[in-house]
PDB file of N, CA and C in Angstrom:
ATOM      1  N   UNK A   1      32.958 -50.225   3.617  1.00  0.00           N
ATOM      2  CA  UNK A   1      31.686 -49.716   4.108  1.00  0.00           C
ATOM      3  C   UNK A   1      31.885 -49.162   5.514  1.00  0.00           C
ATOM      4  N   UNK A   2      31.238 -48.065   5.794  1.00  0.00           N
ATOM      5  CA  UNK A   2      31.340 -47.443   7.119  1.00  0.00           C
ATOM      6  C   UNK A   2      30.413 -48.177   8.082  1.00  0.00           C
ATOM      7  N   UNK A   3      30.941 -48.473   9.245  1.00  0.00           N
ATOM      8  CA  UNK A   3      30.123 -49.126  10.259  1.00  0.00           C
ATOM      9  C   UNK A   3      29.157 -48.103  10.857  1.00  0.00           C
ATOM     10  N   UNK A   4      27.868 -48.444  10.936  1.00  0.00           N
ATOM     11  CA  UNK A   4      26.888 -47.482  11.438  1.00  0.00           C
ATOM     12  C   UNK A   4      27.161 -47.036  12.874  1.00  0.00           C
ATOM     13  N   UNK A   5      27.689 -47.902  13.696  1.00  0.00           N
ATOM     14  CA  UNK A   5      27.926 -47.575  15.096  1.00  0.00           C
ATOM     15  C   UNK A   5      28.953 -46.487  15.306  1.00  0.00           C
ATOM     16  N   UNK A   6      29.908 -46.367  14.398  1.00  0.00           N
ATOM     17  CA  UNK A   6      30.979 -45.401  14.598  1.00  0.00           C
ATOM     18  C   UNK A   6      30.532 -43.961  14.361  1.00  0.00           C
ATOM     19  N   UNK A   7      29.480 -43.765  13.597  1.00  0.00           N
ATOM     20  CA  UNK A   7      29.012 -42.413  13.295  1.00  0.00           C
ATOM     21  C   UNK A   7      27.586 -42.165  13.785  1.00  0.00           C
ATOM     22  N   UNK A   8      27.071 -43.105  14.525  1.00  0.00           N
ATOM     23  CA  UNK A   8      25.683 -43.030  14.958  1.00  0.00           C
ATOM     24  C   UNK A   8      25.390 -41.772  15.773  1.00  0.00           C
ATOM     25  N   UNK A   9      26.284 -41.416  16.671  1.00  0.00           N
ATOM     26  CA  UNK A   9      26.078 -40.228  17.504  1.00  0.00           C
ATOM     27  C   UNK A   9      25.993 -38.960  16.683  1.00  0.00           C
ATOM     28  N   UNK A  10      26.889 -38.820  15.718  1.00  0.00           N
ATOM     29  CA  UNK A  10      26.884 -37.640  14.850  1.00  0.00           C
ATOM     30  C   UNK A  10      25.598 -37.567  14.036  1.00  0.00           C
ATOM     31  N   UNK A  11      25.173 -38.696  13.499  1.00  0.00           N
ATOM     32  CA  UNK A  11      23.969 -38.727  12.662  1.00  0.00           C
ATOM     33  C   UNK A  11      22.738 -38.370  13.484  1.00  0.00           C
ATOM     34  N   UNK A  12      22.616 -38.949  14.664  1.00  0.00           N
ATOM     35  CA  UNK A  12      21.475 -38.650  15.531  1.00  0.00           C
ATOM     36  C   UNK A  12      21.489 -37.179  15.934  1.00  0.00           C
ATOM     37  N   UNK A  13      22.662 -36.651  16.275  1.00  0.00           N
ATOM     38  CA  UNK A  13      22.769 -35.244  16.656  1.00  0.00           C
ATOM     39  C   UNK A  13      22.395 -34.328  15.494  1.00  0.00           C
ATOM     40  N   UNK A  14      22.816 -34.665  14.291  1.00  0.00           N
ATOM     41  CA  UNK A  14      22.492 -33.851  13.121  1.00  0.00           C
ATOM     42  C   UNK A  14      20.987 -33.848  12.854  1.00  0.00           C
ATOM     43  N   UNK A  15      20.362 -35.012  12.940  1.00  0.00           N
ATOM     44  CA  UNK A  15      18.915 -35.076  12.745  1.00  0.00           C
ATOM     45  C   UNK A  15      18.180 -34.329  13.856  1.00  0.00           C
ATOM     46  N   UNK A  16      18.635 -34.469  15.086  1.00  0.00           N
ATOM     47  CA  UNK A  16      17.998 -33.777  16.211  1.00  0.00           C
ATOM     48  C   UNK A  16      18.109 -32.265  16.055  1.00  0.00           C
ATOM     49  N   UNK A  17      19.283 -31.787  15.684  1.00  0.00           N
ATOM     50  CA  UNK A  17      19.472 -30.353  15.486  1.00  0.00           C
ATOM     51  C   UNK A  17      18.595 -29.848  14.344  1.00  0.00           C
ATOM     52  N   UNK A  18      18.514 -30.599  13.278  1.00  0.00           N
ATOM     53  CA  UNK A  18      17.660 -30.221  12.155  1.00  0.00           C
ATOM     54  C   UNK A  18      16.201 -30.146  12.586  1.00  0.00           C
ATOM     55  N   UNK A  19      15.753 -31.124  13.357  1.00  0.00           N
ATOM     56  CA  UNK A  19      14.372 -31.132  13.838  1.00  0.00           C
ATOM     57  C   UNK A  19      14.101 -29.929  14.739  1.00  0.00           C
ATOM     58  N   UNK A  20      15.037 -29.608  15.622  1.00  0.00           N
ATOM     59  CA  UNK A  20      14.870 -28.459  16.521  1.00  0.00           C
ATOM     60  C   UNK A  20      14.783 -27.165  15.717  1.00  0.00           C
ATOM     61  N   UNK A  21      15.647 -27.007  14.735  1.00  0.00           N
ATOM     62  CA  UNK A  21      15.637 -25.795  13.905  1.00  0.00           C
ATOM     63  C   UNK A  21      14.324 -25.693  13.132  1.00  0.00           C
ATOM     64  N   UNK A  22      13.872 -26.786  12.537  1.00  0.00           N
ATOM     65  CA  UNK A  22      12.624 -26.755  11.776  1.00  0.00           C
ATOM     66  C   UNK A  22      11.422 -26.447  12.661  1.00  0.00           C
ATOM     67  N   UNK A  23      11.351 -27.069  13.824  1.00  0.00           N
ATOM     68  CA  UNK A  23      10.251 -26.795  14.752  1.00  0.00           C
ATOM     69  C   UNK A  23      10.302 -25.337  15.202  1.00  0.00           C
ATOM     70  N   UNK A  24      11.499 -24.840  15.486  1.00  0.00           N
ATOM     71  CA  UNK A  24      11.646 -23.439  15.872  1.00  0.00           C
ATOM     72  C   UNK A  24      11.178 -22.491  14.785  1.00  0.00           C
ATOM     73  N   UNK A  25      11.506 -22.793  13.552  1.00  0.00           N
ATOM     74  CA  UNK A  25      11.080 -21.939  12.440  1.00  0.00           C
ATOM     75  C   UNK A  25       9.565 -21.975  12.256  1.00  0.00           C
ATOM     76  N   UNK A  26       8.960 -23.140  12.406  1.00  0.00           N
ATOM     77  CA  UNK A  26       7.503 -23.246  12.291  1.00  0.00           C
ATOM     78  C   UNK A  26       6.833 -22.432  13.390  1.00  0.00           C
ATOM     79  N   UNK A  27       7.330 -22.548  14.618  1.00  0.00           N
ATOM     80  CA  UNK A  27       6.774 -21.774  15.731  1.00  0.00           C
ATOM     81  C   UNK A  27       6.941 -20.283  15.472  1.00  0.00           C
ATOM     82  N   UNK A  28       8.110 -19.883  14.995  1.00  0.00           N
ATOM     83  CA  UNK A  28       8.369 -18.477  14.697  1.00  0.00           C
ATOM     84  C   UNK A  28       7.398 -17.958  13.628  1.00  0.00           C
ATOM     85  N   UNK A  29       7.176 -18.732  12.583  1.00  0.00           N
ATOM     86  CA  UNK A  29       6.266 -18.327  11.512  1.00  0.00           C
ATOM     87  C   UNK A  29       4.841 -18.180  12.043  1.00  0.00           C
ATOM     88  N   UNK A  30       4.408 -19.115  12.871  1.00  0.00           N
ATOM     89  CA  UNK A  30       3.058 -19.044  13.440  1.00  0.00           C
ATOM     90  C   UNK A  30       2.910 -17.811  14.318  1.00  0.00           C
ATOM     91  N   UNK A  31       3.873 -17.575  15.207  1.00  0.00           N
ATOM     92  CA  UNK A  31       3.806 -16.414  16.096  1.00  0.00           C
ATOM     93  C   UNK A  31       3.878 -15.106  15.318  1.00  0.00           C
ATOM     94  N   UNK A  32       4.731 -15.051  14.304  1.00  0.00           N
ATOM     95  CA  UNK A  32       4.841 -13.841  13.498  1.00  0.00           C
ATOM     96  C   UNK A  32       3.556 -13.598  12.710  1.00  0.00           C
ATOM     97  N   UNK A  33       2.946 -14.649  12.211  1.00  0.00           N
ATOM     98  CA  UNK A  33       1.678 -14.505  11.496  1.00  0.00           C
ATOM     99  C   UNK A  33       0.591 -13.946  12.392  1.00  0.00           C
ATOM    100  N   UNK A  34       0.540 -14.421  13.630  1.00  0.00           N
ATOM    101  CA  UNK A  34      -0.434 -13.893  14.585  1.00  0.00           C
ATOM    102  C   UNK A  34      -0.165 -12.425  14.882  1.00  0.00           C
ATOM    103  N   UNK A  35       1.102 -12.074  15.048  1.00  0.00           N
ATOM    104  CA  UNK A  35       1.458 -10.679  15.328  1.00  0.00           C
ATOM    105  C   UNK A  35       1.102  -9.787  14.144  1.00  0.00           C
ATOM    106  N   UNK A  36       1.376 -10.247  12.928  1.00  0.00           N
ATOM    107  CA  UNK A  36       1.052  -9.453  11.743  1.00  0.00           C
ATOM    108  C   UNK A  36      -0.457  -9.292  11.590  1.00  0.00           C
ATOM    109  N   UNK A  37      -1.202 -10.364  11.874  1.00  0.00           N
ATOM    110  CA  UNK A  37      -2.657 -10.295  11.790  1.00  0.00           C
ATOM    111  C   UNK A  37      -3.209  -9.306  12.812  1.00  0.00           C
ATOM    112  N   UNK A  38      -2.661  -9.324  14.038  1.00  0.00           N
ATOM    113  CA  UNK A  38      -3.097  -8.387  15.074  1.00  0.00           C
ATOM    114  C   UNK A  38      -2.768  -6.955  14.677  1.00  0.00           C
ATOM    115  N   UNK A  39      -1.599  -6.745  14.120  1.00  0.00           N
ATOM    116  CA  UNK A  39      -1.200  -5.402  13.671  1.00  0.00           C
ATOM    117  C   UNK A  39      -2.116  -4.918  12.554  1.00  0.00           C
ATOM    118  N   UNK A  40      -2.451  -5.792  11.628  1.00  0.00           N
ATOM    119  CA  UNK A  40      -3.346  -5.437  10.533  1.00  0.00           C
ATOM    120  C   UNK A  40      -4.732  -5.077  11.064  1.00  0.00           C
ATOM    121  N   UNK A  41      -5.242  -5.856  12.007  1.00  0.00           N
ATOM    122  CA  UNK A  41      -6.546  -5.555  12.595  1.00  0.00           C
ATOM    123  C   UNK A  41      -6.521  -4.217  13.318  1.00  0.00           C
ATOM    124  N   UNK A  42      -5.412  -3.918  13.999  1.00  0.00           N
ATOM    125  CA  UNK A  42      -5.287  -2.634  14.691  1.00  0.00           C
ATOM    126  C   UNK A  42      -5.297  -1.482  13.689  1.00  0.00           C
ATOM    127  N   UNK A  43      -4.554  -1.617  12.607  1.00  0.00           N
ATOM    128  CA  UNK A  43      -4.524  -0.569  11.588  1.00  0.00           C
ATOM    129  C   UNK A  43      -5.897  -0.386  10.942  1.00  0.00           C
ATOM    130  N   UNK A  44      -6.572  -1.489  10.654  1.00  0.00           N
ATOM    131  CA  UNK A  44      -7.896  -1.397  10.046  1.00  0.00           C
ATOM    132  C   UNK A  44      -8.904  -0.772  10.997  1.00  0.00           C
ATOM    133  N   UNK A  45      -8.766  -1.028  12.300  1.00  0.00           N
ATOM    134  CA  UNK A  45      -9.684  -0.423  13.265  1.00  0.00           C
ATOM    135  C   UNK A  45      -9.469   1.083  13.364  1.00  0.00           C
ATOM    136  N   UNK A  46      -8.275   1.555  13.029  1.00  0.00           N
ATOM    137  CA  UNK A  46      -7.990   2.992  13.020  1.00  0.00           C
ATOM    138  C   UNK A  46      -8.355   3.631  11.689  1.00  0.00           C
ATOM    139  N   UNK A  47      -8.862   2.838  10.760  1.00  0.00           N
ATOM    140  CA  UNK A  47      -9.310   3.379   9.486  1.00  0.00           C
ATOM    141  C   UNK A  47      -8.294   3.272   8.373  1.00  0.00           C
ATOM    142  N   UNK A  48      -7.172   2.663   8.623  1.00  0.00           N
ATOM    143  CA  UNK A  48      -6.158   2.479   7.587  1.00  0.00           C
ATOM    144  C   UNK A  48      -6.457   1.161   6.889  1.00  0.00           C
ATOM    145  N   UNK A  49      -6.686   1.228   5.593  1.00  0.00           N
ATOM    146  CA  UNK A  49      -7.079   0.039   4.837  1.00  0.00           C
ATOM    147  C   UNK A  49      -5.917  -0.508   4.024  1.00  0.00           C
ATOM    148  N   UNK A  50      -6.017  -1.789   3.716  1.00  0.00           N
ATOM    149  CA  UNK A  50      -5.021  -2.431   2.860  1.00  0.00           C
ATOM    150  C   UNK A  50      -5.194  -1.968   1.430  1.00  0.00           C
ATOM    151  N   UNK A  51      -4.108  -1.891   0.710  1.00  0.00           N
ATOM    152  CA  UNK A  51      -4.190  -1.538  -0.708  1.00  0.00           C
ATOM    153  C   UNK A  51      -4.949  -2.608  -1.479  1.00  0.00           C
ATOM    154  N   UNK A  52      -4.802  -3.854  -1.065  1.00  0.00           N
ATOM    155  CA  UNK A  52      -5.472  -4.949  -1.764  1.00  0.00           C
ATOM    156  C   UNK A  52      -6.980  -4.934  -1.523  1.00  0.00           C
ATOM    157  N   UNK A  53      -7.453  -4.171  -0.536  1.00  0.00           N
ATOM    158  CA  UNK A  53      -8.883  -4.092  -0.254  1.00  0.00           C
ATOM    159  C   UNK A  53      -9.514  -2.894  -0.953  1.00  0.00           C
ATOM    160  N   UNK A  54      -8.803  -2.311  -1.911  1.00  0.00           N
ATOM    161  CA  UNK A  54      -9.276  -1.127  -2.622  1.00  0.00           C
ATOM    162  C   UNK A  54     -10.391  -1.435  -3.597  1.00  0.00           C
ATOM    163  N   UNK A  55     -10.651  -0.472  -4.465  1.00  0.00           N
ATOM    164  CA  UNK A  55     -11.770  -0.578  -5.398  1.00  0.00           C
ATOM    165  C   UNK A  55     -11.435  -1.396  -6.639  1.00  0.00           C
ATOM    166  N   UNK A  56     -10.242  -1.904  -6.732  1.00  0.00           N
ATOM    167  CA  UNK A  56      -9.874  -2.721  -7.875  1.00  0.00           C
ATOM    168  C   UNK A  56      -9.209  -1.943  -8.987  1.00  0.00           C
ATOM    169  N   UNK A  57      -9.007  -0.648  -8.797  1.00  0.00           N
ATOM    170  CA  UNK A  57      -8.324   0.165  -9.813  1.00  0.00           C
ATOM    171  C   UNK A  57      -6.837  -0.138  -9.801  1.00  0.00           C
ATOM    172  N   UNK A  58      -6.234  -0.113 -10.988  1.00  0.00           N
ATOM    173  CA  UNK A  58      -4.795  -0.344 -11.062  1.00  0.00           C
ATOM    174  C   UNK A  58      -4.121   0.765 -11.805  1.00  0.00           C
TER     175      UNK A  58
END
């Protein structure tokens, strides 16, 4: 059996790095969503509409 103390630093570092990457990705997704929403609002204010907001014709 592997002693927990001998690999504890590596395990903690791996979990910490994973947490940092996940938090970074969540922040990136939130910021990108806000930017996309702002861009969409700008386009709609100029009269450019989304295809999904059409009359329902396919």
